[in-house]
Amino acid sequence: MRFEIVTIFPGFFAGFLENGILRRALAAGLVEVGIHDLRAFTHDRHRTVDDRPFGGGEGMVLKPQPIAEALASLGVEPRAERTGAIGTRVVLLSAQGRPFTQATARELATLNRVVLLCGRYEGVDERINTLYCDMELSIGDYVLSGGELAAAVVIDAAMRLVPGVLGNEASSEFESFGAADASITTDTEGVPRSQHGAGGLLDYPHYTRPAEFQGLAVPETLLNGDHLAIRRWRREQQLRKTLGNRPDLLEDAVLSKEDQKVLDAIRQEGQ
């Protein structure tokens, strides 16, 4: 099994790879890890990987082009262009993702290759998620500075399930969250700055330059300068993302009557 990590801090993983079970798994050739510096796929002298978000707001967003080029260097095509069975999955580590569980770790452990995208700042341009990512994972309901710690958690949890890594095949079966407890979720997370605030909802999608990327345009609402419309659009996207990825959060979220109307309309779309 091979993990590919796309990050702006490749040195972060040095100690992680040199210790414990993972070090032994690497030495035995049971697991491989490739680390790829996102800045190597930029084309300006400052090696710029981020830009300001369309529609305004705080922070910066990772640009789509360097990430797309990094994925291309790994032979990863957009999802729509992939044909036949593929043993590779692209994972976006995001506070807006669905919870990473032991069941997910078992799923990943059956693959030949897992590509982990480590977010930073306000997150990754949503078009990378739309075009390339097979899943968006969160390791818990808290905010970290970036996705590197989350990538380490995913690698550690998944590689332990690769045959031979633990030595005794039954070792992982009887641990917490083993096969008999597949429905129990681990409660840990990581990644670019997110907002579980604003009533307890997930963050809305972020976009940055260029305004059009591989046939996908930034939503027109974010370009027209109407700040009221932008706030309404973002709130709707928060509701959509939360309903799709973390519906459990809606139970305790602070929702207005307008929010309830929007949620009802979203649910009607899926019927």
C-alpha atoms as a PDB file:
ATOM      1  CA  MET A   1       0.000   0.000   0.000  1.00  0.00           C
ATOM      2  CA  ARG A   2       1.293   3.459  -0.895  1.00  0.00           C
ATOM      3  CA  PHE A   3       0.344   6.823   0.565  1.00  0.00           C
ATOM      4  CA  GLU A   4       1.051  10.066  -1.342  1.00  0.00           C
ATOM      5  CA  ILE A   5       1.023  13.257   0.741  1.00  0.00           C
ATOM      6  CA  VAL A   6       0.642  16.675  -0.914  1.00  0.00           C
ATOM      7  CA  THR A   7       1.679  19.381   1.539  1.00  0.00           C
ATOM      8  CA  ILE A   8       3.403  22.757   1.868  1.00  0.00           C
ATOM      9  CA  PHE A   9       5.370  21.404   4.840  1.00  0.00           C
ATOM     10  CA  PRO A  10       7.100  18.219   3.632  1.00  0.00           C
ATOM     11  CA  GLY A  11       9.507  18.286   6.585  1.00  0.00           C
ATOM     12  CA  PHE A  12       6.598  17.821   8.979  1.00  0.00           C
ATOM     13  CA  PHE A  13       6.535  14.064   8.421  1.00  0.00           C
ATOM     14  CA  ALA A  14      10.214  13.281   9.071  1.00  0.00           C
ATOM     15  CA  GLY A  15       9.816  12.160  12.688  1.00  0.00           C
ATOM     16  CA  PHE A  16       6.489  10.489  12.023  1.00  0.00           C
ATOM     17  CA  LEU A  17       7.997   8.196   9.379  1.00  0.00           C
ATOM     18  CA  GLU A  18      11.043   7.294  11.459  1.00  0.00           C
ATOM     19  CA  ASN A  19       9.345   5.787  14.483  1.00  0.00           C
ATOM     20  CA  GLY A  20       7.265   2.865  15.669  1.00  0.00           C
ATOM     21  CA  ILE A  21       5.146   0.509  13.628  1.00  0.00           C
ATOM     22  CA  LEU A  22       5.225   2.712  10.546  1.00  0.00           C
ATOM     23  CA  ARG A  23       9.046   2.693  10.453  1.00  0.00           C
ATOM     24  CA  ARG A  24       9.028  -1.106  10.589  1.00  0.00           C
ATOM     25  CA  ALA A  25       6.297  -1.332   7.934  1.00  0.00           C
ATOM     26  CA  LEU A  26       8.306   0.935   5.630  1.00  0.00           C
ATOM     27  CA  ALA A  27      11.503  -1.050   6.209  1.00  0.00           C
ATOM     28  CA  ALA A  28       9.670  -4.301   5.434  1.00  0.00           C
ATOM     29  CA  GLY A  29       8.197  -2.879   2.231  1.00  0.00           C
ATOM     30  CA  LEU A  30       4.627  -3.415   3.423  1.00  0.00           C
ATOM     31  CA  VAL A  31       3.816   0.300   3.192  1.00  0.00           C
ATOM     32  CA  GLU A  32       5.283   3.129   1.106  1.00  0.00           C
ATOM     33  CA  VAL A  33       4.927   6.879   1.682  1.00  0.00           C
ATOM     34  CA  GLY A  34       5.659   9.598  -0.886  1.00  0.00           C
ATOM     35  CA  ILE A  35       5.812  13.248   0.206  1.00  0.00           C
ATOM     36  CA  HIS A  36       5.260  15.976  -2.385  1.00  0.00           C
ATOM     37  CA  ASP A  37       5.955  19.665  -1.816  1.00  0.00           C
ATOM     38  CA  LEU A  38       3.039  21.670  -3.231  1.00  0.00           C
ATOM     39  CA  ARG A  39       5.326  24.657  -3.816  1.00  0.00           C
ATOM     40  CA  ALA A  40       7.247  22.604  -6.399  1.00  0.00           C
ATOM     41  CA  PHE A  41       4.222  22.958  -8.679  1.00  0.00           C
ATOM     42  CA  THR A  42       4.084  26.761  -8.687  1.00  0.00           C
ATOM     43  CA  HIS A  43       5.417  28.982 -11.466  1.00  0.00           C
ATOM     44  CA  ASP A  44       6.308  32.291  -9.834  1.00  0.00           C
ATOM     45  CA  ARG A  45       9.467  33.303  -8.020  1.00  0.00           C
ATOM     46  CA  HIS A  46       7.623  33.517  -4.713  1.00  0.00           C
ATOM     47  CA  ARG A  47       6.264  29.947  -5.090  1.00  0.00           C
ATOM     48  CA  THR A  48       2.761  31.190  -4.272  1.00  0.00           C
ATOM     49  CA  VAL A  49       0.212  28.509  -3.359  1.00  0.00           C
ATOM     50  CA  ASP A  50      -2.628  30.673  -2.000  1.00  0.00           C
ATOM     51  CA  ASP A  51      -4.773  33.676  -2.892  1.00  0.00           C
ATOM     52  CA  ARG A  52      -7.600  35.785  -1.484  1.00  0.00           C
ATOM     53  CA  PRO A  53     -11.107  34.281  -1.498  1.00  0.00           C
ATOM     54  CA  PHE A  54     -13.708  35.439  -3.998  1.00  0.00           C
ATOM     55  CA  GLY A  55     -16.579  37.194  -2.266  1.00  0.00           C
ATOM     56  CA  GLY A  56     -14.316  38.608   0.421  1.00  0.00           C
ATOM     57  CA  GLY A  57     -13.688  37.347   3.899  1.00  0.00           C
ATOM     58  CA  GLU A  58     -10.739  36.592   6.102  1.00  0.00           C
ATOM     59  CA  GLY A  59      -7.775  34.361   5.361  1.00  0.00           C
ATOM     60  CA  MET A  60      -6.413  32.830   2.191  1.00  0.00           C
ATOM     61  CA  VAL A  61      -7.385  29.815   0.064  1.00  0.00           C
ATOM     62  CA  LEU A  62      -5.071  27.252  -1.538  1.00  0.00           C
ATOM     63  CA  LYS A  63      -5.127  27.754  -5.314  1.00  0.00           C
ATOM     64  CA  PRO A  64      -6.372  24.940  -7.554  1.00  0.00           C
ATOM     65  CA  GLN A  65      -3.635  24.962 -10.212  1.00  0.00           C
ATOM     66  CA  PRO A  66      -0.664  23.789  -8.096  1.00  0.00           C
ATOM     67  CA  ILE A  67      -2.746  21.010  -6.563  1.00  0.00           C
ATOM     68  CA  ALA A  68      -4.008  19.886  -9.975  1.00  0.00           C
ATOM     69  CA  GLU A  69      -0.431  19.792 -11.288  1.00  0.00           C
ATOM     70  CA  ALA A  70       0.738  17.851  -8.240  1.00  0.00           C
ATOM     71  CA  LEU A  71      -2.014  15.289  -8.835  1.00  0.00           C
ATOM     72  CA  ALA A  72      -1.156  15.098 -12.542  1.00  0.00           C
ATOM     73  CA  SER A  73       2.478  14.361 -11.624  1.00  0.00           C
ATOM     74  CA  LEU A  74       1.159  11.365  -9.672  1.00  0.00           C
ATOM     75  CA  GLY A  75      -0.858  10.178 -12.648  1.00  0.00           C
ATOM     76  CA  VAL A  76      -4.165  11.133 -11.031  1.00  0.00           C
ATOM     77  CA  GLU A  77      -6.797  12.279 -13.509  1.00  0.00           C
ATOM     78  CA  PRO A  78     -10.036  14.125 -12.705  1.00  0.00           C
ATOM     79  CA  ARG A  79     -12.706  11.691 -11.503  1.00  0.00           C
ATOM     80  CA  ALA A  80     -14.753  12.120 -14.690  1.00  0.00           C
ATOM     81  CA  GLU A  81     -11.806  10.905 -16.791  1.00  0.00           C
ATOM     82  CA  ARG A  82     -10.969   7.825 -14.749  1.00  0.00           C
ATOM     83  CA  THR A  83     -12.021   4.579 -16.391  1.00  0.00           C
ATOM     84  CA  GLY A  84     -12.372   1.060 -15.072  1.00  0.00           C
ATOM     85  CA  ALA A  85     -11.394  -0.146 -11.635  1.00  0.00           C
ATOM     86  CA  ILE A  86      -8.855   2.089  -9.921  1.00  0.00           C
ATOM     87  CA  GLY A  87      -6.938   1.275  -6.777  1.00  0.00           C
ATOM     88  CA  THR A  88      -6.248   4.954  -6.033  1.00  0.00           C
ATOM     89  CA  ARG A  89      -8.397   7.288  -3.947  1.00  0.00           C
ATOM     90  CA  VAL A  90      -7.860  11.020  -3.502  1.00  0.00           C
ATOM     91  CA  VAL A  91      -8.721  12.236  -0.010  1.00  0.00           C
ATOM     92  CA  LEU A  92      -9.162  15.872   0.972  1.00  0.00           C
ATOM     93  CA  LEU A  93      -8.447  16.372   4.662  1.00  0.00           C
ATOM     94  CA  SER A  94     -10.982  18.962   5.679  1.00  0.00           C
ATOM     95  CA  ALA A  95     -12.866  20.081   8.755  1.00  0.00           C
ATOM     96  CA  GLN A  96     -15.947  20.018   6.524  1.00  0.00           C
ATOM     97  CA  GLY A  97     -15.526  16.324   5.701  1.00  0.00           C
ATOM     98  CA  ARG A  98     -17.405  13.322   6.982  1.00  0.00           C
ATOM     99  CA  PRO A  99     -15.968  11.797  10.153  1.00  0.00           C
ATOM    100  CA  PHE A 100     -12.973   9.515   9.755  1.00  0.00           C
ATOM    101  CA  THR A 101     -13.878   6.200  11.376  1.00  0.00           C
ATOM    102  CA  GLN A 102     -12.345   2.786  11.800  1.00  0.00           C
ATOM    103  CA  ALA A 103     -14.657   1.603   9.033  1.00  0.00           C
ATOM    104  CA  THR A 104     -13.139   4.222   6.727  1.00  0.00           C
ATOM    105  CA  ALA A 105      -9.635   3.152   7.753  1.00  0.00           C
ATOM    106  CA  ARG A 106     -10.520  -0.439   6.792  1.00  0.00           C
ATOM    107  CA  GLU A 107     -11.838   0.780   3.443  1.00  0.00           C
ATOM    108  CA  LEU A 108      -8.631   2.693   2.709  1.00  0.00           C
ATOM    109  CA  ALA A 109      -6.457  -0.244   3.768  1.00  0.00           C
ATOM    110  CA  THR A 110      -7.840  -2.311   0.878  1.00  0.00           C
ATOM    111  CA  LEU A 111      -6.548   0.164  -1.727  1.00  0.00           C
ATOM    112  CA  ASN A 112      -3.271   0.196  -3.615  1.00  0.00           C
ATOM    113  CA  ARG A 113      -2.738   3.929  -3.180  1.00  0.00           C
ATOM    114  CA  VAL A 114      -4.223   6.797  -1.172  1.00  0.00           C
ATOM    115  CA  VAL A 115      -3.439  10.412  -2.090  1.00  0.00           C
ATOM    116  CA  LEU A 116      -3.838  12.782   0.872  1.00  0.00           C
ATOM    117  CA  LEU A 117      -4.304  16.510   0.237  1.00  0.00           C
ATOM    118  CA  CYS A 118      -3.284  18.599   3.251  1.00  0.00           C
ATOM    119  CA  GLY A 119      -5.196  21.854   3.428  1.00  0.00           C
ATOM    120  CA  ARG A 120      -4.005  25.098   5.009  1.00  0.00           C
ATOM    121  CA  TYR A 121      -5.350  28.590   5.664  1.00  0.00           C
ATOM    122  CA  GLU A 122      -9.109  28.825   4.943  1.00  0.00           C
ATOM    123  CA  GLY A 123      -8.977  25.587   2.970  1.00  0.00           C
ATOM    124  CA  VAL A 124      -8.668  24.354  -0.595  1.00  0.00           C
ATOM    125  CA  ASP A 125     -10.437  25.797  -3.639  1.00  0.00           C
ATOM    126  CA  GLU A 126     -13.668  23.786  -3.813  1.00  0.00           C
ATOM    127  CA  ARG A 127     -13.107  22.877  -7.473  1.00  0.00           C
ATOM    128  CA  ILE A 128     -10.277  20.539  -6.467  1.00  0.00           C
ATOM    129  CA  ASN A 129     -12.751  18.723  -4.235  1.00  0.00           C
ATOM    130  CA  THR A 130     -15.348  18.632  -7.030  1.00  0.00           C
ATOM    131  CA  LEU A 131     -12.987  17.539  -9.800  1.00  0.00           C
ATOM    132  CA  TYR A 132     -10.533  15.202  -8.116  1.00  0.00           C
ATOM    133  CA  CYS A 133     -11.452  14.067  -4.621  1.00  0.00           C
ATOM    134  CA  ASP A 134     -13.144  10.757  -3.885  1.00  0.00           C
ATOM    135  CA  MET A 135     -13.795  11.614  -0.271  1.00  0.00           C
ATOM    136  CA  GLU A 136     -13.538  14.528   2.139  1.00  0.00           C
ATOM    137  CA  LEU A 137     -12.518  13.428   5.623  1.00  0.00           C
ATOM    138  CA  SER A 138     -12.488  15.106   9.022  1.00  0.00           C
ATOM    139  CA  ILE A 139     -10.740  13.606  12.051  1.00  0.00           C
ATOM    140  CA  GLY A 140     -12.785  15.501  14.651  1.00  0.00           C
ATOM    141  CA  ASP A 141     -14.800  18.542  15.631  1.00  0.00           C
ATOM    142  CA  TYR A 142     -11.956  20.953  16.288  1.00  0.00           C
ATOM    143  CA  VAL A 143      -9.673  23.207  14.256  1.00  0.00           C
ATOM    144  CA  LEU A 144      -5.993  22.569  13.495  1.00  0.00           C
ATOM    145  CA  SER A 145      -3.518  24.733  11.608  1.00  0.00           C
ATOM    146  CA  GLY A 146      -3.364  22.341   8.688  1.00  0.00           C
ATOM    147  CA  GLY A 147      -4.046  18.871   7.341  1.00  0.00           C
ATOM    148  CA  GLU A 148      -0.645  17.368   8.110  1.00  0.00           C
ATOM    149  CA  LEU A 149      -1.644  16.017  11.509  1.00  0.00           C
ATOM    150  CA  ALA A 150      -4.833  14.648   9.979  1.00  0.00           C
ATOM    151  CA  ALA A 151      -2.818  12.918   7.244  1.00  0.00           C
ATOM    152  CA  ALA A 152      -0.646  11.306   9.912  1.00  0.00           C
ATOM    153  CA  VAL A 153      -3.752  10.056  11.732  1.00  0.00           C
ATOM    154  CA  VAL A 154      -5.237   8.565   8.550  1.00  0.00           C
ATOM    155  CA  ILE A 155      -1.972   6.881   7.581  1.00  0.00           C
ATOM    156  CA  ASP A 156      -1.444   5.464  11.050  1.00  0.00           C
ATOM    157  CA  ALA A 157      -4.987   4.097  11.338  1.00  0.00           C
ATOM    158  CA  ALA A 158      -5.077   2.605   7.830  1.00  0.00           C
ATOM    159  CA  MET A 159      -1.578   1.120   7.592  1.00  0.00           C
ATOM    160  CA  ARG A 160      -2.090  -0.868  10.804  1.00  0.00           C
ATOM    161  CA  LEU A 161      -4.803  -2.792   8.945  1.00  0.00           C
ATOM    162  CA  VAL A 162      -2.519  -3.772   6.061  1.00  0.00           C
ATOM    163  CA  PRO A 163      -1.778  -7.509   6.323  1.00  0.00           C
ATOM    164  CA  GLY A 164       1.564  -8.161   8.006  1.00  0.00           C
ATOM    165  CA  VAL A 165       2.056  -4.718   9.522  1.00  0.00           C
ATOM    166  CA  LEU A 166       1.056  -5.742  13.057  1.00  0.00           C
ATOM    167  CA  GLY A 167       2.537  -9.210  12.744  1.00  0.00           C
ATOM    168  CA  ASN A 168      -0.517 -10.918  14.238  1.00  0.00           C
ATOM    169  CA  GLU A 169      -3.454 -10.663  11.832  1.00  0.00           C
ATOM    170  CA  ALA A 170      -5.921 -10.802  14.739  1.00  0.00           C
ATOM    171  CA  SER A 171      -4.347  -7.831  16.561  1.00  0.00           C
ATOM    172  CA  SER A 172      -6.455  -5.149  14.931  1.00  0.00           C
ATOM    173  CA  GLU A 173      -9.649  -7.203  14.964  1.00  0.00           C
ATOM    174  CA  PHE A 174     -10.001  -7.050  18.744  1.00  0.00           C
ATOM    175  CA  GLU A 175      -9.007  -3.425  19.266  1.00  0.00           C
ATOM    176  CA  SER A 176     -11.388  -0.570  19.996  1.00  0.00           C
ATOM    177  CA  PHE A 177     -13.501   0.152  16.928  1.00  0.00           C
ATOM    178  CA  GLY A 178     -12.630  -3.227  15.468  1.00  0.00           C
ATOM    179  CA  ALA A 179     -14.816  -5.135  13.032  1.00  0.00           C
ATOM    180  CA  ALA A 180     -17.537  -5.730  15.600  1.00  0.00           C
ATOM    181  CA  ASP A 181     -17.700  -1.991  16.341  1.00  0.00           C
ATOM    182  CA  ALA A 182     -17.742  -0.663  12.794  1.00  0.00           C
ATOM    183  CA  SER A 183     -20.634   1.643  13.534  1.00  0.00           C
ATOM    184  CA  ILE A 184     -18.705   3.512  16.246  1.00  0.00           C
ATOM    185  CA  THR A 185     -16.895   6.582  14.997  1.00  0.00           C
ATOM    186  CA  THR A 186     -13.540   7.920  16.092  1.00  0.00           C
ATOM    187  CA  ASP A 187     -13.807  11.520  17.211  1.00  0.00           C
ATOM    188  CA  THR A 188     -10.678  13.234  15.986  1.00  0.00           C
ATOM    189  CA  GLU A 189     -10.014  15.598  13.151  1.00  0.00           C
ATOM    190  CA  GLY A 190      -7.744  17.972  11.494  1.00  0.00           C
ATOM    191  CA  VAL A 191      -7.172  20.484   8.870  1.00  0.00           C
ATOM    192  CA  PRO A 192      -7.419  23.911   7.399  1.00  0.00           C
ATOM    193  CA  ARG A 193      -9.172  26.460   9.488  1.00  0.00           C
ATOM    194  CA  SER A 194     -12.921  25.796   9.515  1.00  0.00           C
ATOM    195  CA  GLN A 195     -16.084  27.163  10.978  1.00  0.00           C
ATOM    196  CA  HIS A 196     -18.215  24.916  13.101  1.00  0.00           C
ATOM    197  CA  GLY A 197     -19.512  28.213  14.462  1.00  0.00           C
ATOM    198  CA  ALA A 198     -22.297  30.245  12.923  1.00  0.00           C
ATOM    199  CA  GLY A 199     -24.860  28.085  14.656  1.00  0.00           C
ATOM    200  CA  GLY A 200     -22.812  24.889  14.725  1.00  0.00           C
ATOM    201  CA  LEU A 201     -22.746  24.313  10.954  1.00  0.00           C
ATOM    202  CA  LEU A 202     -19.860  23.325   8.714  1.00  0.00           C
ATOM    203  CA  ASP A 203     -18.078  25.933   6.637  1.00  0.00           C
ATOM    204  CA  TYR A 204     -19.176  26.968   3.162  1.00  0.00           C
ATOM    205  CA  PRO A 205     -17.067  26.208   0.014  1.00  0.00           C
ATOM    206  CA  HIS A 206     -14.212  28.594  -0.764  1.00  0.00           C
ATOM    207  CA  TYR A 207     -12.989  29.719  -4.203  1.00  0.00           C
ATOM    208  CA  THR A 208     -10.054  31.794  -5.397  1.00  0.00           C
ATOM    209  CA  ARG A 209      -8.422  32.756  -8.704  1.00  0.00           C
ATOM    210  CA  PRO A 210      -8.781  31.863 -11.526  1.00  0.00           C
ATOM    211  CA  ALA A 211     -12.496  32.566 -11.968  1.00  0.00           C
ATOM    212  CA  GLU A 212     -12.730  29.523 -14.276  1.00  0.00           C
ATOM    213  CA  PHE A 213     -10.809  26.303 -13.799  1.00  0.00           C
ATOM    214  CA  GLN A 214     -11.046  23.179 -15.969  1.00  0.00           C
ATOM    215  CA  GLY A 215     -14.535  24.130 -17.103  1.00  0.00           C
ATOM    216  CA  LEU A 216     -15.880  25.023 -13.666  1.00  0.00           C
ATOM    217  CA  ALA A 217     -16.636  28.659 -12.894  1.00  0.00           C
ATOM    218  CA  VAL A 218     -16.787  30.342  -9.518  1.00  0.00           C
ATOM    219  CA  PRO A 219     -20.459  30.804  -8.517  1.00  0.00           C
ATOM    220  CA  GLU A 220     -21.703  34.074  -9.988  1.00  0.00           C
ATOM    221  CA  THR A 221     -23.017  35.238  -6.609  1.00  0.00           C
ATOM    222  CA  LEU A 222     -19.456  35.571  -5.273  1.00  0.00           C
ATOM    223  CA  LEU A 223     -18.454  37.861  -8.152  1.00  0.00           C
ATOM    224  CA  ASN A 224     -21.250  40.427  -8.200  1.00  0.00           C
ATOM    225  CA  GLY A 225     -20.336  42.384  -5.049  1.00  0.00           C
ATOM    226  CA  ASP A 226     -23.788  41.979  -3.476  1.00  0.00           C
ATOM    227  CA  HIS A 227     -22.741  41.222   0.104  1.00  0.00           C
ATOM    228  CA  LEU A 228     -26.245  40.343   1.280  1.00  0.00           C
ATOM    229  CA  ALA A 229     -26.596  37.819  -1.548  1.00  0.00           C
ATOM    230  CA  ILE A 230     -23.149  36.443  -0.721  1.00  0.00           C
ATOM    231  CA  ARG A 231     -24.092  35.941   2.939  1.00  0.00           C
ATOM    232  CA  ARG A 232     -27.311  34.193   1.944  1.00  0.00           C
ATOM    233  CA  TRP A 233     -25.470  31.962  -0.554  1.00  0.00           C
ATOM    234  CA  ARG A 234     -22.848  31.047   2.030  1.00  0.00           C
ATOM    235  CA  ARG A 235     -25.477  30.203   4.633  1.00  0.00           C
ATOM    236  CA  GLU A 236     -27.277  27.948   2.176  1.00  0.00           C
ATOM    237  CA  GLN A 237     -23.995  26.222   1.326  1.00  0.00           C
ATOM    238  CA  GLN A 238     -23.289  25.702   5.022  1.00  0.00           C
ATOM    239  CA  LEU A 239     -26.668  24.023   5.385  1.00  0.00           C
ATOM    240  CA  ARG A 240     -26.070  21.867   2.300  1.00  0.00           C
ATOM    241  CA  LYS A 241     -22.597  20.808   3.422  1.00  0.00           C
ATOM    242  CA  THR A 242     -23.751  20.018   6.947  1.00  0.00           C
ATOM    243  CA  LEU A 243     -26.796  18.079   5.777  1.00  0.00           C
ATOM    244  CA  GLY A 244     -24.654  16.090   3.348  1.00  0.00           C
ATOM    245  CA  ASN A 245     -21.560  15.431   5.494  1.00  0.00           C
ATOM    246  CA  ARG A 246     -22.555  15.875   9.148  1.00  0.00           C
ATOM    247  CA  PRO A 247     -26.354  15.758   9.546  1.00  0.00           C
ATOM    248  CA  ASP A 248     -25.829  14.935  13.235  1.00  0.00           C
ATOM    249  CA  LEU A 249     -24.637  18.511  13.785  1.00  0.00           C
ATOM    250  CA  LEU A 250     -28.050  19.843  12.771  1.00  0.00           C
ATOM    251  CA  GLU A 251     -29.558  18.370  15.937  1.00  0.00           C
ATOM    252  CA  ASP A 252     -27.754  20.928  18.098  1.00  0.00           C
ATOM    253  CA  ALA A 253     -27.302  23.713  15.545  1.00  0.00           C
ATOM    254  CA  VAL A 254     -28.847  27.131  16.131  1.00  0.00           C
ATOM    255  CA  LEU A 255     -31.194  27.505  13.165  1.00  0.00           C
ATOM    256  CA  SER A 256     -33.523  30.339  12.216  1.00  0.00           C
ATOM    257  CA  LYS A 257     -36.932  29.896  10.599  1.00  0.00           C
ATOM    258  CA  GLU A 258     -35.319  30.860   7.291  1.00  0.00           C
ATOM    259  CA  ASP A 259     -32.669  28.160   7.806  1.00  0.00           C
ATOM    260  CA  GLN A 260     -35.404  25.592   8.342  1.00  0.00           C
ATOM    261  CA  LYS A 261     -37.124  26.665   5.118  1.00  0.00           C
ATOM    262  CA  VAL A 262     -33.833  26.321   3.199  1.00  0.00           C
ATOM    263  CA  LEU A 263     -33.204  22.882   4.719  1.00  0.00           C
ATOM    264  CA  ASP A 264     -36.708  21.747   3.813  1.00  0.00           C
ATOM    265  CA  ALA A 265     -36.144  22.890   0.228  1.00  0.00           C
ATOM    266  CA  ILE A 266     -32.794  21.061   0.060  1.00  0.00           C
ATOM    267  CA  ARG A 267     -34.380  17.877   1.361  1.00  0.00           C
ATOM    268  CA  GLN A 268     -37.152  18.182  -1.219  1.00  0.00           C
ATOM    269  CA  GLU A 269     -34.525  18.279  -3.979  1.00  0.00           C
ATOM    270  CA  GLY A 270     -33.318  14.850  -2.961  1.00  0.00           C
ATOM    271  CA  GLN A 271     -36.751  13.204  -3.082  1.00  0.00           C
END
